PDB file of all heavy atoms in Angstrom:
ATOM      1  N   LEU A   1      42.654 189.216  60.298  1.00  0.00           N
ATOM      2  CA  LEU A   1      41.916 190.132  59.423  1.00  0.00           C
ATOM      3  C   LEU A   1      40.601 189.550  58.915  1.00  0.00           C
ATOM      4  O   LEU A   1      39.833 190.248  58.270  1.00  0.00           O
ATOM      5  CB  LEU A   1      42.787 190.508  58.212  1.00  0.00           C
ATOM      6  CG  LEU A   1      44.119 191.171  58.526  1.00  0.00           C
ATOM      7  CD1 LEU A   1      44.960 191.304  57.264  1.00  0.00           C
ATOM      8  CD2 LEU A   1      43.901 192.517  59.177  1.00  0.00           C
ATOM      9  N   CYS A   2      40.352 188.269  59.198  1.00  0.00           N
ATOM     10  CA  CYS A   2      39.189 187.576  58.640  1.00  0.00           C
ATOM     11  C   CYS A   2      37.891 188.044  59.307  1.00  0.00           C
ATOM     12  O   CYS A   2      37.786 188.066  60.526  1.00  0.00           O
ATOM     13  CB  CYS A   2      39.338 186.065  58.806  1.00  0.00           C
ATOM     14  SG  CYS A   2      38.006 185.138  58.011  1.00  0.00           S
ATOM     15  N   HIS A   3      36.928 188.376  58.451  1.00  0.00           N
ATOM     16  CA  HIS A   3      35.613 188.797  58.948  1.00  0.00           C
ATOM     17  C   HIS A   3      34.510 187.861  58.469  1.00  0.00           C
ATOM     18  O   HIS A   3      33.337 188.199  58.554  1.00  0.00           O
ATOM     19  CB  HIS A   3      35.298 190.224  58.471  1.00  0.00           C
ATOM     20  CG  HIS A   3      36.296 191.230  58.934  1.00  0.00           C
ATOM     21  ND1 HIS A   3      36.485 191.560  60.254  1.00  0.00           N
ATOM     22  CD2 HIS A   3      37.200 191.968  58.245  1.00  0.00           C
ATOM     23  CE1 HIS A   3      37.440 192.462  60.360  1.00  0.00           C
ATOM     24  NE2 HIS A   3      37.894 192.730  59.153  1.00  0.00           N
ATOM     25  N   ARG A   4      34.900 186.697  57.960  1.00  0.00           N
ATOM     26  CA  ARG A   4      33.894 185.753  57.453  1.00  0.00           C
ATOM     27  C   ARG A   4      33.106 185.161  58.610  1.00  0.00           C
ATOM     28  O   ARG A   4      33.667 184.782  59.622  1.00  0.00           O
ATOM     29  CB  ARG A   4      34.556 184.624  56.684  1.00  0.00           C
ATOM     30  CG  ARG A   4      35.061 185.070  55.320  1.00  0.00           C
ATOM     31  CD  ARG A   4      35.545 183.906  54.554  1.00  0.00           C
ATOM     32  NE  ARG A   4      34.420 183.350  53.802  1.00  0.00           N
ATOM     33  CZ  ARG A   4      34.557 182.572  52.764  1.00  0.00           C
ATOM     34  NH1 ARG A   4      35.744 182.243  52.337  1.00  0.00           N
ATOM     35  NH2 ARG A   4      33.517 182.102  52.126  1.00  0.00           N
ATOM     36  N   GLN A   5      31.838 185.047  58.395  1.00  0.00           N
ATOM     37  CA  GLN A   5      30.970 184.376  59.356  1.00  0.00           C
ATOM     38  C   GLN A   5      30.853 182.927  58.919  1.00  0.00           C
ATOM     39  O   GLN A   5      30.635 182.648  57.754  1.00  0.00           O
ATOM     40  CB  GLN A   5      29.588 185.036  59.377  1.00  0.00           C
ATOM     41  CG  GLN A   5      29.612 186.485  59.807  1.00  0.00           C
ATOM     42  CD  GLN A   5      30.089 186.652  61.236  1.00  0.00           C
ATOM     43  OE1 GLN A   5      29.693 185.918  62.125  1.00  0.00           O
ATOM     44  NE2 GLN A   5      30.962 187.623  61.457  1.00  0.00           N
ATOM     45  N   GLY A   6      31.007 181.999  59.836  1.00  0.00           N
ATOM     46  CA  GLY A   6      30.888 180.580  59.485  1.00  0.00           C
ATOM     47  C   GLY A   6      32.175 180.028  58.896  1.00  0.00           C
ATOM     48  O   GLY A   6      33.270 180.353  59.332  1.00  0.00           O
ATOM     49  N   PHE A   7      32.034 179.188  57.862  1.00  0.00           N
ATOM     50  CA  PHE A   7      33.144 178.443  57.275  1.00  0.00           C
ATOM     51  C   PHE A   7      34.173 179.357  56.599  1.00  0.00           C
ATOM     52  O   PHE A   7      33.827 180.193  55.780  1.00  0.00           O
ATOM     53  CB  PHE A   7      32.604 177.444  56.256  1.00  0.00           C
ATOM     54  CG  PHE A   7      33.670 176.751  55.464  1.00  0.00           C
ATOM     55  CD1 PHE A   7      34.429 175.747  56.030  1.00  0.00           C
ATOM     56  CD2 PHE A   7      33.917 177.116  54.149  1.00  0.00           C
ATOM     57  CE1 PHE A   7      35.415 175.104  55.302  1.00  0.00           C
ATOM     58  CE2 PHE A   7      34.891 176.474  53.411  1.00  0.00           C
ATOM     59  CZ  PHE A   7      35.649 175.468  53.989  1.00  0.00           C
ATOM     60  N   CYS A   8      35.443 179.155  56.954  1.00  0.00           N
ATOM     61  CA  CYS A   8      36.561 179.821  56.286  1.00  0.00           C
ATOM     62  C   CYS A   8      37.702 178.811  56.191  1.00  0.00           C
ATOM     63  O   CYS A   8      38.281 178.429  57.215  1.00  0.00           O
ATOM     64  CB  CYS A   8      37.027 181.062  57.038  1.00  0.00           C
ATOM     65  SG  CYS A   8      38.517 181.792  56.318  1.00  0.00           S
ATOM     66  N   MET A   9      38.005 178.366  54.986  1.00  0.00           N
ATOM     67  CA  MET A   9      39.033 177.337  54.794  1.00  0.00           C
ATOM     68  C   MET A   9      40.402 177.816  55.258  1.00  0.00           C
ATOM     69  O   MET A   9      41.183 177.023  55.785  1.00  0.00           O
ATOM     70  CB  MET A   9      39.077 176.911  53.320  1.00  0.00           C
ATOM     71  CG  MET A   9      39.973 175.733  53.060  1.00  0.00           C
ATOM     72  SD  MET A   9      39.360 174.248  53.902  1.00  0.00           S
ATOM     73  CE  MET A   9      40.597 173.064  53.429  1.00  0.00           C
ATOM     74  N   MET A  10      40.714 179.089  55.099  1.00  0.00           N
ATOM     75  CA  MET A  10      42.012 179.588  55.545  1.00  0.00           C
ATOM     76  C   MET A  10      42.105 179.545  57.070  1.00  0.00           C
ATOM     77  O   MET A  10      43.147 179.165  57.612  1.00  0.00           O
ATOM     78  CB  MET A  10      42.268 181.014  55.034  1.00  0.00           C
ATOM     79  CG  MET A  10      42.539 181.085  53.547  1.00  0.00           C
ATOM     80  SD  MET A  10      44.021 180.186  53.022  1.00  0.00           S
ATOM     81  CE  MET A  10      45.312 181.284  53.564  1.00  0.00           C
ATOM     82  N   CYS A  11      41.044 179.896  57.767  1.00  0.00           N
ATOM     83  CA  CYS A  11      41.055 179.829  59.233  1.00  0.00           C
ATOM     84  C   CYS A  11      41.170 178.377  59.703  1.00  0.00           C
ATOM     85  O   CYS A  11      41.894 178.079  60.659  1.00  0.00           O
ATOM     86  CB  CYS A  11      39.806 180.489  59.802  1.00  0.00           C
ATOM     87  SG  CYS A  11      39.796 182.297  59.622  1.00  0.00           S
ATOM     88  N   ILE A  12      40.483 177.470  59.014  1.00  0.00           N
ATOM     89  CA  ILE A  12      40.568 176.047  59.363  1.00  0.00           C
ATOM     90  C   ILE A  12      41.987 175.537  59.134  1.00  0.00           C
ATOM     91  O   ILE A  12      42.556 174.837  59.979  1.00  0.00           O
ATOM     92  CB  ILE A  12      39.545 175.225  58.553  1.00  0.00           C
ATOM     93  CG1 ILE A  12      38.148 175.478  59.120  1.00  0.00           C
ATOM     94  CG2 ILE A  12      39.868 173.737  58.582  1.00  0.00           C
ATOM     95  CD1 ILE A  12      37.035 174.868  58.313  1.00  0.00           C
ATOM     96  N   MET A  13      42.579 175.905  57.999  1.00  0.00           N
ATOM     97  CA  MET A  13      43.951 175.462  57.702  1.00  0.00           C
ATOM     98  C   MET A  13      44.950 176.087  58.675  1.00  0.00           C
ATOM     99  O   MET A  13      45.907 175.434  59.081  1.00  0.00           O
ATOM    100  CB  MET A  13      44.331 175.795  56.259  1.00  0.00           C
ATOM    101  CG  MET A  13      43.718 174.869  55.234  1.00  0.00           C
ATOM    102  SD  MET A  13      44.116 173.114  55.491  1.00  0.00           S
ATOM    103  CE  MET A  13      45.902 173.129  55.323  1.00  0.00           C
ATOM    104  N   GLU A  14      44.724 177.320  59.049  1.00  0.00           N
ATOM    105  CA  GLU A  14      45.604 177.970  60.014  1.00  0.00           C
ATOM    106  C   GLU A  14      45.590 177.203  61.341  1.00  0.00           C
ATOM    107  O   GLU A  14      46.644 176.895  61.895  1.00  0.00           O
ATOM    108  CB  GLU A  14      45.149 179.416  60.226  1.00  0.00           C
ATOM    109  CG  GLU A  14      46.060 180.223  61.116  1.00  0.00           C
ATOM    110  CD  GLU A  14      45.597 181.654  61.237  1.00  0.00           C
ATOM    111  OE1 GLU A  14      45.668 182.388  60.245  1.00  0.00           O
ATOM    112  OE2 GLU A  14      45.158 182.037  62.354  1.00  0.00           O
ATOM    113  N   ALA A  15      44.405 176.895  61.823  1.00  0.00           N
ATOM    114  CA  ALA A  15      44.285 176.145  63.081  1.00  0.00           C
ATOM    115  C   ALA A  15      44.896 174.754  62.933  1.00  0.00           C
ATOM    116  O   ALA A  15      45.588 174.274  63.844  1.00  0.00           O
ATOM    117  CB  ALA A  15      42.816 176.041  63.495  1.00  0.00           C
ATOM    118  N   HIS A  16      44.679 174.112  61.794  1.00  0.00           N
ATOM    119  CA  HIS A  16      45.215 172.768  61.567  1.00  0.00           C
ATOM    120  C   HIS A  16      46.748 172.781  61.561  1.00  0.00           C
ATOM    121  O   HIS A  16      47.378 171.976  62.243  1.00  0.00           O
ATOM    122  CB  HIS A  16      44.684 172.192  60.249  1.00  0.00           C
ATOM    123  CG  HIS A  16      45.302 170.887  59.901  1.00  0.00           C
ATOM    124  ND1 HIS A  16      44.906 169.705  60.497  1.00  0.00           N
ATOM    125  CD2 HIS A  16      46.327 170.574  59.072  1.00  0.00           C
ATOM    126  CE1 HIS A  16      45.658 168.722  60.028  1.00  0.00           C
ATOM    127  NE2 HIS A  16      46.523 169.227  59.160  1.00  0.00           N
ATOM    128  N   VAL A  17      47.332 173.681  60.801  1.00  0.00           N
ATOM    129  CA  VAL A  17      48.798 173.736  60.696  1.00  0.00           C
ATOM    130  C   VAL A  17      49.418 174.071  62.054  1.00  0.00           C
ATOM    131  O   VAL A  17      50.413 173.461  62.449  1.00  0.00           O
ATOM    132  CB  VAL A  17      49.239 174.740  59.601  1.00  0.00           C
ATOM    133  CG1 VAL A  17      50.730 175.029  59.664  1.00  0.00           C
ATOM    134  CG2 VAL A  17      48.860 174.188  58.227  1.00  0.00           C
ATOM    135  N   ARG A  18      48.822 174.991  62.770  1.00  0.00           N
ATOM    136  CA  ARG A  18      49.333 175.323  64.105  1.00  0.00           C
ATOM    137  C   ARG A  18      49.258 174.106  65.022  1.00  0.00           C
ATOM    138  O   ARG A  18      50.189 173.820  65.767  1.00  0.00           O
ATOM    139  CB  ARG A  18      48.565 176.498  64.706  1.00  0.00           C
ATOM    140  CG  ARG A  18      48.821 177.811  63.986  1.00  0.00           C
ATOM    141  CD  ARG A  18      48.181 178.985  64.697  1.00  0.00           C
ATOM    142  NE  ARG A  18      48.843 179.240  65.972  1.00  0.00           N
ATOM    143  CZ  ARG A  18      50.026 179.835  66.101  1.00  0.00           C
ATOM    144  NH1 ARG A  18      50.683 180.231  65.049  1.00  0.00           N
ATOM    145  NH2 ARG A  18      50.545 180.040  67.305  1.00  0.00           N
ATOM    146  N   LYS A  19      48.152 173.381  64.949  1.00  0.00           N
ATOM    147  CA  LYS A  19      47.972 172.205  65.801  1.00  0.00           C
ATOM    148  C   LYS A  19      49.003 171.123  65.457  1.00  0.00           C
ATOM    149  O   LYS A  19      49.619 170.543  66.352  1.00  0.00           O
ATOM    150  CB  LYS A  19      46.552 171.671  65.630  1.00  0.00           C
ATOM    151  CG  LYS A  19      46.133 170.629  66.635  1.00  0.00           C
ATOM    152  CD  LYS A  19      44.651 170.318  66.444  1.00  0.00           C
ATOM    153  CE  LYS A  19      44.166 169.309  67.430  1.00  0.00           C
ATOM    154  NZ  LYS A  19      42.751 168.963  67.203  1.00  0.00           N
ATOM    155  N   VAL A  20      49.202 170.865  64.167  1.00  0.00           N
ATOM    156  CA  VAL A  20      50.156 169.828  63.742  1.00  0.00           C
ATOM    157  C   VAL A  20      51.575 170.204  64.140  1.00  0.00           C
ATOM    158  O   VAL A  20      52.313 169.392  64.705  1.00  0.00           O
ATOM    159  CB  VAL A  20      50.075 169.588  62.216  1.00  0.00           C
ATOM    160  CG1 VAL A  20      51.254 168.760  61.725  1.00  0.00           C
ATOM    161  CG2 VAL A  20      48.768 168.897  61.861  1.00  0.00           C
ATOM    162  N   LEU A  21      51.976 171.427  63.840  1.00  0.00           N
ATOM    163  CA  LEU A  21      53.376 171.819  64.028  1.00  0.00           C
ATOM    164  C   LEU A  21      53.712 172.284  65.446  1.00  0.00           C
ATOM    165  O   LEU A  21      54.882 172.275  65.823  1.00  0.00           O
ATOM    166  CB  LEU A  21      53.763 172.901  63.013  1.00  0.00           C
ATOM    167  CG  LEU A  21      53.706 172.474  61.550  1.00  0.00           C
ATOM    168  CD1 LEU A  21      54.051 173.636  60.641  1.00  0.00           C
ATOM    169  CD2 LEU A  21      54.610 171.282  61.291  1.00  0.00           C
ATOM    170  N   ARG A  22      52.721 172.686  66.210  1.00  0.00           N
ATOM    171  CA  ARG A  22      52.988 173.204  67.558  1.00  0.00           C
ATOM    172  C   ARG A  22      52.595 172.237  68.670  1.00  0.00           C
ATOM    173  O   ARG A  22      52.939 172.439  69.822  1.00  0.00           O
ATOM    174  CB  ARG A  22      52.262 174.534  67.773  1.00  0.00           C
ATOM    175  CG  ARG A  22      52.637 175.639  66.804  1.00  0.00           C
ATOM    176  CD  ARG A  22      54.006 176.184  67.115  1.00  0.00           C
ATOM    177  NE  ARG A  22      54.249 177.411  66.376  1.00  0.00           N
ATOM    178  CZ  ARG A  22      55.146 177.520  65.398  1.00  0.00           C
ATOM    179  NH1 ARG A  22      55.833 176.478  65.030  1.00  0.00           N
ATOM    180  NH2 ARG A  22      55.333 178.664  64.797  1.00  0.00           N
ATOM    181  N   SER A  23      51.866 171.187  68.320  1.00  0.00           N
ATOM    182  CA  SER A  23      51.389 170.246  69.328  1.00  0.00           C
ATOM    183  C   SER A  23      52.511 169.318  69.776  1.00  0.00           C
ATOM    184  O   SER A  23      53.374 168.938  68.994  1.00  0.00           O
ATOM    185  CB  SER A  23      50.240 169.415  68.745  1.00  0.00           C
ATOM    186  OG  SER A  23      49.879 168.386  69.633  1.00  0.00           O
ATOM    187  N   SER A  24      52.456 168.932  71.025  1.00  0.00           N
ATOM    188  CA  SER A  24      53.421 167.945  71.524  1.00  0.00           C
ATOM    189  C   SER A  24      52.899 166.519  71.318  1.00  0.00           C
ATOM    190  O   SER A  24      53.611 165.559  71.580  1.00  0.00           O
ATOM    191  CB  SER A  24      53.707 168.193  73.004  1.00  0.00           C
ATOM    192  OG  SER A  24      52.509 168.095  73.740  1.00  0.00           O
ATOM    193  N   ALA A  25      51.669 166.417  70.835  1.00  0.00           N
ATOM    194  CA  ALA A  25      51.072 165.096  70.596  1.00  0.00           C
ATOM    195  C   ALA A  25      51.745 164.417  69.402  1.00  0.00           C
ATOM    196  O   ALA A  25      52.277 165.081  68.516  1.00  0.00           O
ATOM    197  CB  ALA A  25      49.575 165.242  70.330  1.00  0.00           C
ATOM    198  N   ASN A  26      51.713 163.101  69.401  1.00  0.00           N
ATOM    199  CA  ASN A  26      52.245 162.347  68.263  1.00  0.00           C
ATOM    200  C   ASN A  26      51.235 162.241  67.130  1.00  0.00           C
ATOM    201  O   ASN A  26      51.606 162.106  65.969  1.00  0.00           O
ATOM    202  CB  ASN A  26      52.647 160.932  68.694  1.00  0.00           C
ATOM    203  CG  ASN A  26      53.879 160.951  69.567  1.00  0.00           C
ATOM    204  OD1 ASN A  26      54.728 161.819  69.438  1.00  0.00           O
ATOM    205  ND2 ASN A  26      53.973 159.984  70.462  1.00  0.00           N
ATOM    206  N   VAL A  27      49.951 162.272  67.492  1.00  0.00           N
ATOM    207  CA  VAL A  27      48.874 162.117  66.512  1.00  0.00           C
ATOM    208  C   VAL A  27      47.766 163.098  66.857  1.00  0.00           C
ATOM    209  O   VAL A  27      47.445 163.303  68.030  1.00  0.00           O
ATOM    210  CB  VAL A  27      48.300 160.676  66.546  1.00  0.00           C
ATOM    211  CG1 VAL A  27      47.134 160.535  65.589  1.00  0.00           C
ATOM    212  CG2 VAL A  27      49.372 159.648  66.227  1.00  0.00           C
ATOM    213  N   ILE A  28      47.175 163.694  65.827  1.00  0.00           N
ATOM    214  CA  ILE A  28      45.996 164.533  66.034  1.00  0.00           C
ATOM    215  C   ILE A  28      44.889 164.062  65.097  1.00  0.00           C
ATOM    216  O   ILE A  28      45.141 163.348  64.129  1.00  0.00           O
ATOM    217  CB  ILE A  28      46.275 166.040  65.819  1.00  0.00           C
ATOM    218  CG1 ILE A  28      46.665 166.303  64.367  1.00  0.00           C
ATOM    219  CG2 ILE A  28      47.313 166.568  66.783  1.00  0.00           C
ATOM    220  CD1 ILE A  28      46.512 167.737  63.965  1.00  0.00           C
ATOM    221  N   TRP A  29      43.686 164.468  65.375  1.00  0.00           N
ATOM    222  CA  TRP A  29      42.529 164.127  64.577  1.00  0.00           C
ATOM    223  C   TRP A  29      42.120 165.381  63.813  1.00  0.00           C
ATOM    224  O   TRP A  29      41.820 166.400  64.444  1.00  0.00           O
ATOM    225  CB  TRP A  29      41.376 163.656  65.473  1.00  0.00           C
ATOM    226  CG  TRP A  29      41.642 162.315  66.084  1.00  0.00           C
ATOM    227  CD1 TRP A  29      41.141 161.118  65.635  1.00  0.00           C
ATOM    228  CD2 TRP A  29      42.453 162.009  67.210  1.00  0.00           C
ATOM    229  NE1 TRP A  29      41.611 160.094  66.424  1.00  0.00           N
ATOM    230  CE2 TRP A  29      42.422 160.616  67.400  1.00  0.00           C
ATOM    231  CE3 TRP A  29      43.236 162.764  68.080  1.00  0.00           C
ATOM    232  CZ2 TRP A  29      43.114 159.971  68.412  1.00  0.00           C
ATOM    233  CZ3 TRP A  29      43.937 162.142  69.088  1.00  0.00           C
ATOM    234  CH2 TRP A  29      43.870 160.755  69.246  1.00  0.00           C
ATOM    235  N   PRO A  30      42.050 165.330  62.491  1.00  0.00           N
ATOM    236  CA  PRO A  30      41.663 166.521  61.708  1.00  0.00           C
ATOM    237  C   PRO A  30      40.145 166.720  61.690  1.00  0.00           C
ATOM    238  O   PRO A  30      39.518 166.787  60.637  1.00  0.00           O
ATOM    239  CB  PRO A  30      42.231 166.217  60.317  1.00  0.00           C
ATOM    240  CG  PRO A  30      42.206 164.728  60.231  1.00  0.00           C
ATOM    241  CD  PRO A  30      42.472 164.228  61.638  1.00  0.00           C
ATOM    242  N   ARG A  31      39.567 166.816  62.878  1.00  0.00           N
ATOM    243  CA  ARG A  31      38.097 166.862  63.004  1.00  0.00           C
ATOM    244  C   ARG A  31      37.471 168.077  62.330  1.00  0.00           C
ATOM    245  O   ARG A  31      36.397 167.971  61.740  1.00  0.00           O
ATOM    246  CB  ARG A  31      37.707 166.822  64.480  1.00  0.00           C
ATOM    247  CG  ARG A  31      37.871 165.458  65.091  1.00  0.00           C
ATOM    248  CD  ARG A  31      37.246 165.397  66.488  1.00  0.00           C
ATOM    249  NE  ARG A  31      37.383 164.073  67.029  1.00  0.00           N
ATOM    250  CZ  ARG A  31      38.298 163.724  67.927  1.00  0.00           C
ATOM    251  NH1 ARG A  31      39.150 164.615  68.384  1.00  0.00           N
ATOM    252  NH2 ARG A  31      38.356 162.487  68.365  1.00  0.00           N
ATOM    253  N   ALA A  32      38.107 169.249  62.438  1.00  0.00           N
ATOM    254  CA  ALA A  32      37.510 170.462  61.859  1.00  0.00           C
ATOM    255  C   ALA A  32      37.385 170.338  60.347  1.00  0.00           C
ATOM    256  O   ALA A  32      36.376 170.741  59.766  1.00  0.00           O
ATOM    257  CB  ALA A  32      38.331 171.688  62.229  1.00  0.00           C
ATOM    258  N   VAL A  33      38.397 169.765  59.705  1.00  0.00           N
ATOM    259  CA  VAL A  33      38.350 169.602  58.252  1.00  0.00           C
ATOM    260  C   VAL A  33      37.254 168.606  57.878  1.00  0.00           C
ATOM    261  O   VAL A  33      36.447 168.874  56.978  1.00  0.00           O
ATOM    262  CB  VAL A  33      39.714 169.132  57.700  1.00  0.00           C
ATOM    263  CG1 VAL A  33      39.640 168.869  56.206  1.00  0.00           C
ATOM    264  CG2 VAL A  33      40.794 170.174  58.000  1.00  0.00           C
ATOM    265  N   VAL A  34      37.197 167.489  58.573  1.00  0.00           N
ATOM    266  CA  VAL A  34      36.181 166.476  58.277  1.00  0.00           C
ATOM    267  C   VAL A  34      34.784 167.013  58.589  1.00  0.00           C
ATOM    268  O   VAL A  34      33.840 166.799  57.823  1.00  0.00           O
ATOM    269  CB  VAL A  34      36.476 165.164  59.045  1.00  0.00           C
ATOM    270  CG1 VAL A  34      35.356 164.150  58.870  1.00  0.00           C
ATOM    271  CG2 VAL A  34      37.809 164.577  58.580  1.00  0.00           C
ATOM    272  N   ARG A  35      34.654 167.770  59.658  1.00  0.00           N
ATOM    273  CA  ARG A  35      33.355 168.355  60.030  1.00  0.00           C
ATOM    274  C   ARG A  35      32.828 169.271  58.925  1.00  0.00           C
ATOM    275  O   ARG A  35      31.640 169.290  58.627  1.00  0.00           O
ATOM    276  CB  ARG A  35      33.502 169.140  61.334  1.00  0.00           C
ATOM    277  CG  ARG A  35      32.227 169.842  61.793  1.00  0.00           C
ATOM    278  CD  ARG A  35      32.488 170.888  62.860  1.00  0.00           C
ATOM    279  NE  ARG A  35      33.258 171.983  62.273  1.00  0.00           N
ATOM    280  CZ  ARG A  35      34.238 172.630  62.893  1.00  0.00           C
ATOM    281  NH1 ARG A  35      34.593 172.309  64.114  1.00  0.00           N
ATOM    282  NH2 ARG A  35      34.876 173.610  62.295  1.00  0.00           N
ATOM    283  N   ASP A  36      33.722 170.043  58.306  1.00  0.00           N
ATOM    284  CA  ASP A  36      33.312 171.020  57.297  1.00  0.00           C
ATOM    285  C   ASP A  36      33.503 170.541  55.864  1.00  0.00           C
ATOM    286  O   ASP A  36      33.536 171.334  54.934  1.00  0.00           O
ATOM    287  CB  ASP A  36      34.071 172.331  57.513  1.00  0.00           C
ATOM    288  CG  ASP A  36      33.591 173.057  58.760  1.00  0.00           C
ATOM    289  OD1 ASP A  36      32.416 172.894  59.140  1.00  0.00           O
ATOM    290  OD2 ASP A  36      34.393 173.792  59.358  1.00  0.00           O
ATOM    291  N   LEU A  37      33.615 169.237  55.703  1.00  0.00           N
ATOM    292  CA  LEU A  37      33.863 168.653  54.387  1.00  0.00           C
ATOM    293  C   LEU A  37      32.863 169.117  53.335  1.00  0.00           C
ATOM    294  O   LEU A  37      33.238 169.404  52.194  1.00  0.00           O
ATOM    295  CB  LEU A  37      33.819 167.132  54.522  1.00  0.00           C
ATOM    296  CG  LEU A  37      34.752 166.300  53.681  1.00  0.00           C
ATOM    297  CD1 LEU A  37      36.159 166.840  53.647  1.00  0.00           C
ATOM    298  CD2 LEU A  37      34.750 164.866  54.178  1.00  0.00           C
ATOM    299  N   LYS A  38      31.592 169.227  53.710  1.00  0.00           N
ATOM    300  CA  LYS A  38      30.556 169.612  52.744  1.00  0.00           C
ATOM    301  C   LYS A  38      30.768 171.035  52.228  1.00  0.00           C
ATOM    302  O   LYS A  38      30.332 171.364  51.125  1.00  0.00           O
ATOM    303  CB  LYS A  38      29.167 169.463  53.359  1.00  0.00           C
ATOM    304  CG  LYS A  38      28.896 170.383  54.525  1.00  0.00           C
ATOM    305  CD  LYS A  38      27.530 170.116  55.142  1.00  0.00           C
ATOM    306  CE  LYS A  38      27.337 170.886  56.416  1.00  0.00           C
ATOM    307  NZ  LYS A  38      28.105 170.372  57.543  1.00  0.00           N
ATOM    308  N   PHE A  39      31.451 171.890  52.991  1.00  0.00           N
ATOM    309  CA  PHE A  39      31.735 173.247  52.539  1.00  0.00           C
ATOM    310  C   PHE A  39      32.968 173.287  51.632  1.00  0.00           C
ATOM    311  O   PHE A  39      33.119 174.198  50.831  1.00  0.00           O
ATOM    312  CB  PHE A  39      31.959 174.188  53.726  1.00  0.00           C
ATOM    313  CG  PHE A  39      30.763 174.296  54.621  1.00  0.00           C
ATOM    314  CD1 PHE A  39      30.828 173.836  55.924  1.00  0.00           C
ATOM    315  CD2 PHE A  39      29.574 174.846  54.168  1.00  0.00           C
ATOM    316  CE1 PHE A  39      29.726 173.929  56.764  1.00  0.00           C
ATOM    317  CE2 PHE A  39      28.463 174.943  54.999  1.00  0.00           C
ATOM    318  CZ  PHE A  39      28.545 174.479  56.302  1.00  0.00           C
ATOM    319  N   ILE A  40      33.848 172.320  51.783  1.00  0.00           N
ATOM    320  CA  ILE A  40      35.059 172.248  50.959  1.00  0.00           C
ATOM    321  C   ILE A  40      34.695 171.728  49.569  1.00  0.00           C
ATOM    322  O   ILE A  40      35.141 172.260  48.559  1.00  0.00           O
ATOM    323  CB  ILE A  40      36.128 171.366  51.637  1.00  0.00           C
ATOM    324  CG1 ILE A  40      36.535 171.992  52.980  1.00  0.00           C
ATOM    325  CG2 ILE A  40      37.346 171.177  50.725  1.00  0.00           C
ATOM    326  CD1 ILE A  40      37.362 171.078  53.874  1.00  0.00           C
ATOM    327  N   GLY A  41      33.886 170.693  49.538  1.00  0.00           N
ATOM    328  CA  GLY A  41      33.399 170.140  48.272  1.00  0.00           C
ATOM    329  C   GLY A  41      32.168 169.324  48.550  1.00  0.00           C
ATOM    330  O   GLY A  41      32.217 168.396  49.369  1.00  0.00           O
ATOM    331  N   GLU A  42      31.084 169.650  47.900  1.00  0.00           N
ATOM    332  CA  GLU A  42      29.813 168.969  48.226  1.00  0.00           C
ATOM    333  C   GLU A  42      29.822 167.490  47.896  1.00  0.00           C
ATOM    334  O   GLU A  42      28.997 166.734  48.397  1.00  0.00           O
ATOM    335  CB  GLU A  42      28.631 169.673  47.563  1.00  0.00           C
ATOM    336  CG  GLU A  42      28.741 169.804  46.066  1.00  0.00           C
ATOM    337  CD  GLU A  42      27.673 170.717  45.488  1.00  0.00           C
ATOM    338  OE1 GLU A  42      27.343 171.731  46.110  1.00  0.00           O
ATOM    339  OE2 GLU A  42      27.176 170.384  44.397  1.00  0.00           O
ATOM    340  N   GLU A  43      30.788 167.036  47.076  1.00  0.00           N
ATOM    341  CA  GLU A  43      30.848 165.610  46.731  1.00  0.00           C
ATOM    342  C   GLU A  43      31.502 164.763  47.818  1.00  0.00           C
ATOM    343  O   GLU A  43      31.470 163.542  47.755  1.00  0.00           O
ATOM    344  CB  GLU A  43      31.583 165.406  45.397  1.00  0.00           C
ATOM    345  CG  GLU A  43      33.053 165.760  45.437  1.00  0.00           C
ATOM    346  CD  GLU A  43      33.366 167.195  45.007  1.00  0.00           C
ATOM    347  OE1 GLU A  43      32.516 168.090  45.159  1.00  0.00           O
ATOM    348  OE2 GLU A  43      34.474 167.412  44.522  1.00  0.00           O
ATOM    349  N   PHE A  44      32.105 165.397  48.831  1.00  0.00           N
ATOM    350  CA  PHE A  44      32.805 164.645  49.864  1.00  0.00           C
ATOM    351  C   PHE A  44      31.897 164.341  51.043  1.00  0.00           C
ATOM    352  O   PHE A  44      31.135 165.194  51.484  1.00  0.00           O
ATOM    353  CB  PHE A  44      34.030 165.422  50.364  1.00  0.00           C
ATOM    354  CG  PHE A  44      35.019 165.715  49.284  1.00  0.00           C
ATOM    355  CD1 PHE A  44      35.275 167.017  48.898  1.00  0.00           C
ATOM    356  CD2 PHE A  44      35.693 164.690  48.637  1.00  0.00           C
ATOM    357  CE1 PHE A  44      36.179 167.299  47.896  1.00  0.00           C
ATOM    358  CE2 PHE A  44      36.603 164.963  47.636  1.00  0.00           C
ATOM    359  CZ  PHE A  44      36.845 166.269  47.257  1.00  0.00           C
ATOM    360  N   GLU A  45      32.020 163.108  51.552  1.00  0.00           N
ATOM    361  CA  GLU A  45      31.295 162.696  52.746  1.00  0.00           C
ATOM    362  C   GLU A  45      32.283 162.022  53.678  1.00  0.00           C
ATOM    363  O   GLU A  45      33.138 161.250  53.229  1.00  0.00           O
ATOM    364  CB  GLU A  45      30.159 161.747  52.383  1.00  0.00           C
ATOM    365  CG  GLU A  45      29.069 162.427  51.562  1.00  0.00           C
ATOM    366  CD  GLU A  45      27.905 161.504  51.286  1.00  0.00           C
ATOM    367  OE1 GLU A  45      27.601 160.642  52.134  1.00  0.00           O
ATOM    368  OE2 GLU A  45      27.299 161.658  50.215  1.00  0.00           O
ATOM    369  N   PRO A  46      32.180 162.295  54.977  1.00  0.00           N
ATOM    370  CA  PRO A  46      33.165 161.781  55.936  1.00  0.00           C
ATOM    371  C   PRO A  46      33.358 160.271  55.933  1.00  0.00           C
ATOM    372  O   PRO A  46      34.451 159.791  56.173  1.00  0.00           O
ATOM    373  CB  PRO A  46      32.627 162.249  57.286  1.00  0.00           C
ATOM    374  CG  PRO A  46      31.707 163.369  56.991  1.00  0.00           C
ATOM    375  CD  PRO A  46      31.162 163.122  55.614  1.00  0.00           C
TER     376      PRO A  46
END
């Protein structure tokens, strides 16, 4: 239902949770969250 253009924390979390819980990998890299850190909180830097 999301119509947001650009950054959407719910869409990022949805992709992250699906990747963590559905992946057969032992380890994943949370690149999307780190990439969009400035949109989550401007005080955060990777």
